[in-house]
C-alpha atoms as a PDB file:
ATOM      1  CA  MET A   1      -7.580 -11.425  -7.915  1.00  0.00           C
ATOM      2  CA  ARG A   2      -8.895 -10.083 -10.871  1.00  0.00           C
ATOM      3  CA  LYS A   3      -7.336  -6.252 -11.903  1.00  0.00           C
ATOM      4  CA  LEU A   4      -9.277  -3.381 -11.664  1.00  0.00           C
ATOM      5  CA  LYS A   5      -8.552  -2.223 -15.363  1.00  0.00           C
ATOM      6  CA  GLY A   6      -6.974   1.223 -15.734  1.00  0.00           C
ATOM      7  CA  SER A   7      -7.316   1.548 -11.634  1.00  0.00           C
ATOM      8  CA  THR A   8      -5.640   3.911 -10.099  1.00  0.00           C
ATOM      9  CA  THR A   9      -3.864   3.836  -5.854  1.00  0.00           C
ATOM     10  CA  ASN A  10      -7.612   6.249  -5.683  1.00  0.00           C
ATOM     11  CA  GLY A  11      -9.583   4.555  -6.980  1.00  0.00           C
ATOM     12  CA  VAL A  12      -8.904   1.469  -5.094  1.00  0.00           C
ATOM     13  CA  VAL A  13      -9.214   2.804  -2.585  1.00  0.00           C
ATOM     14  CA  ARG A  14     -12.613   4.901  -2.925  1.00  0.00           C
ATOM     15  CA  LEU A  15     -14.129   1.498  -4.555  1.00  0.00           C
ATOM     16  CA  TYR A  16     -12.527  -0.565  -1.352  1.00  0.00           C
ATOM     17  CA  SER A  17     -14.193   2.629   1.246  1.00  0.00           C
ATOM     18  CA  ARG A  18     -17.509   1.608  -0.593  1.00  0.00           C
ATOM     19  CA  LYS A  19     -17.851  -2.211   0.633  1.00  0.00           C
ATOM     20  CA  ARG A  20     -21.163  -1.937   3.483  1.00  0.00           C
ATOM     21  CA  LYS A  21     -17.799  -3.890   5.396  1.00  0.00           C
ATOM     22  CA  PRO A  22     -13.880  -1.862   4.576  1.00  0.00           C
ATOM     23  CA  PRO A  23     -11.519  -4.201   4.798  1.00  0.00           C
ATOM     24  CA  LYS A  24      -8.646  -4.312   7.466  1.00  0.00           C
ATOM     25  CA  LEU A  25      -5.121  -5.006   7.524  1.00  0.00           C
ATOM     26  CA  THR A  26      -3.530  -5.678  10.257  1.00  0.00           C
ATOM     27  CA  VAL A  27       0.537  -4.847   9.439  1.00  0.00           C
ATOM     28  CA  ALA A  28       2.967  -5.372  12.673  1.00  0.00           C
ATOM     29  CA  LYS A  29       6.115  -6.749  12.930  1.00  0.00           C
ATOM     30  CA  LEU A  30       6.503 -10.674  14.079  1.00  0.00           C
ATOM     31  CA  ASP A  31       9.642 -11.217  14.855  1.00  0.00           C
ATOM     32  CA  GLY A  32      13.066  -9.860  14.657  1.00  0.00           C
ATOM     33  CA  ASP A  33      13.067 -10.256  10.389  1.00  0.00           C
ATOM     34  CA  THR A  34       9.620 -10.840   9.697  1.00  0.00           C
ATOM     35  CA  VAL A  35       6.719  -8.069   8.799  1.00  0.00           C
ATOM     36  CA  LEU A  36       3.107  -9.803   9.827  1.00  0.00           C
ATOM     37  CA  ILE A  37       0.578  -9.031   6.317  1.00  0.00           C
ATOM     38  CA  GLU A  38      -3.054 -10.126   7.935  1.00  0.00           C
ATOM     39  CA  GLY A  39      -7.020  -9.707   6.978  1.00  0.00           C
ATOM     40  CA  ASP A  40      -9.206 -11.672   5.540  1.00  0.00           C
ATOM     41  CA  ALA A  41      -9.729 -12.323   2.035  1.00  0.00           C
ATOM     42  CA  THR A  42     -11.423  -8.514   1.204  1.00  0.00           C
ATOM     43  CA  ALA A  43      -8.527  -6.958   3.070  1.00  0.00           C
ATOM     44  CA  LEU A  44      -5.647  -8.808   0.690  1.00  0.00           C
ATOM     45  CA  GLU A  45      -6.863  -8.850  -2.231  1.00  0.00           C
ATOM     46  CA  PHE A  46      -7.306  -4.855  -1.706  1.00  0.00           C
ATOM     47  CA  LEU A  47      -3.729  -4.276  -1.140  1.00  0.00           C
ATOM     48  CA  GLY A  48      -2.390  -6.796  -4.068  1.00  0.00           C
ATOM     49  CA  GLN A  49      -5.349  -4.269  -6.229  1.00  0.00           C
ATOM     50  CA  PHE A  50      -3.520  -1.571  -4.409  1.00  0.00           C
ATOM     51  CA  ILE A  51      -0.165  -2.726  -5.556  1.00  0.00           C
ATOM     52  CA  LEU A  52      -0.746  -4.098  -9.220  1.00  0.00           C
ATOM     53  CA  ALA A  53      -2.915  -0.184  -9.669  1.00  0.00           C
ATOM     54  CA  HIS A  54       0.808   1.626  -8.106  1.00  0.00           C
ATOM     55  CA  SER A  55       2.735  -0.346 -10.571  1.00  0.00           C
ATOM     56  CA  GLN A  56       0.714   0.503 -13.261  1.00  0.00           C
ATOM     57  CA  ALA A  57       1.131   4.312 -11.627  1.00  0.00           C
ATOM     58  CA  ASP A  58       2.878   7.134 -14.302  1.00  0.00           C
ATOM     59  CA  LYS A  59       6.751   7.152 -13.971  1.00  0.00           C
ATOM     60  CA  ASP A  60       5.312  10.985 -12.271  1.00  0.00           C
ATOM     61  CA  ASN A  61       3.788   8.825  -9.515  1.00  0.00           C
ATOM     62  CA  CYS A  62       6.681   6.260  -7.797  1.00  0.00           C
ATOM     63  CA  HIS A  63       5.634   6.210  -4.448  1.00  0.00           C
ATOM     64  CA  ASN A  64       3.070   5.336  -2.400  1.00  0.00           C
ATOM     65  CA  GLY A  65       1.421   4.340   1.028  1.00  0.00           C
ATOM     66  CA  LEU A  66      -0.157   3.804   3.730  1.00  0.00           C
ATOM     67  CA  HIS A  67       0.637   4.147   7.190  1.00  0.00           C
ATOM     68  CA  PRO A  68      -1.980   3.196  10.754  1.00  0.00           C
ATOM     69  CA  ARG A  69      -1.065   6.282  12.513  1.00  0.00           C
ATOM     70  CA  GLY A  70      -1.118   8.235   9.050  1.00  0.00           C
ATOM     71  CA  ALA A  71      -2.731   8.859   5.915  1.00  0.00           C
ATOM     72  CA  GLY A  72      -5.258   5.537   5.276  1.00  0.00           C
ATOM     73  CA  ASN A  73      -5.192   4.674   8.816  1.00  0.00           C
ATOM     74  CA  ALA A  74      -9.177   3.479   8.126  1.00  0.00           C
ATOM     75  CA  TRP A  75      -8.013   0.103   6.471  1.00  0.00           C
ATOM     76  CA  PHE A  76      -5.351  -1.102   9.676  1.00  0.00           C
ATOM     77  CA  THR A  77      -6.547  -2.367  12.387  1.00  0.00           C
ATOM     78  CA  LYS A  78      -5.551  -1.527  16.428  1.00  0.00           C
ATOM     79  CA  GLY A  79      -2.869  -3.629  16.115  1.00  0.00           C
ATOM     80  CA  SER A  80      -1.050  -2.656  13.749  1.00  0.00           C
ATOM     81  CA  THR A  81       2.312  -1.145  14.381  1.00  0.00           C
ATOM     82  CA  LEU A  82       3.570  -0.466  11.303  1.00  0.00           C
ATOM     83  CA  GLY A  83       2.654   0.586   7.234  1.00  0.00           C
ATOM     84  CA  PHE A  84       4.094  -0.126   4.909  1.00  0.00           C
ATOM     85  CA  TYR A  85       5.565   2.374   1.927  1.00  0.00           C
ATOM     86  CA  LEU A  86       5.851   1.183  -2.274  1.00  0.00           C
ATOM     87  CA  HIS A  87       9.058   2.427  -4.019  1.00  0.00           C
ATOM     88  CA  LYS A  88       8.585   1.994  -7.969  1.00  0.00           C
ATOM     89  CA  LEU A  89      12.053   1.395 -10.061  1.00  0.00           C
ATOM     90  CA  PRO A  90      13.670   3.872 -11.878  1.00  0.00           C
ATOM     91  CA  CYS A  91      12.972   7.283 -10.154  1.00  0.00           C
ATOM     92  CA  ASP A  92      13.533  10.422 -11.765  1.00  0.00           C
ATOM     93  CA  ALA A  93      13.752  11.902  -8.242  1.00  0.00           C
ATOM     94  CA  GLY A  94      15.869   9.178  -7.156  1.00  0.00           C
ATOM     95  CA  HIS A  95      15.161   9.267  -2.767  1.00  0.00           C
ATOM     96  CA  VAL A  96      12.943   7.650  -0.889  1.00  0.00           C
ATOM     97  CA  LEU A  97      11.939   9.069   2.469  1.00  0.00           C
ATOM     98  CA  GLY A  98      14.258  12.347   2.471  1.00  0.00           C
ATOM     99  CA  LYS A  99      16.825  10.131   1.466  1.00  0.00           C
ATOM    100  CA  LYS A 100      19.476  10.210  -1.539  1.00  0.00           C
ATOM    101  CA  LEU A 101      18.822   6.813  -3.596  1.00  0.00           C
ATOM    102  CA  LYS A 102      23.189   5.977  -5.346  1.00  0.00           C
ATOM    103  CA  LYS A 103      21.771   5.539  -8.821  1.00  0.00           C
ATOM    104  CA  LYS A 104      23.474   1.996 -10.098  1.00  0.00           C
END
């Protein structure tokens, strides 16, 4: 997978949404302690590029995510029951999903 130079998560979404058949991910609970992330090569590449772009975002953008019943639902199959939430550390805000994080 080649990194999209200087790309943002919004840029990744724009690029992959232009494809004739935009990629679709299935994210679901496989068993008690395993999450299934399934898709064709393009879908997994999209996810990888999205994570890479997020990892390089400035520190003011410490969190991002997609969910099949919320923001980003176009990227999921109907069989998806879970989304994903990325949180990059260190984080000046010190919280995830409204919960205060413990400082180390």
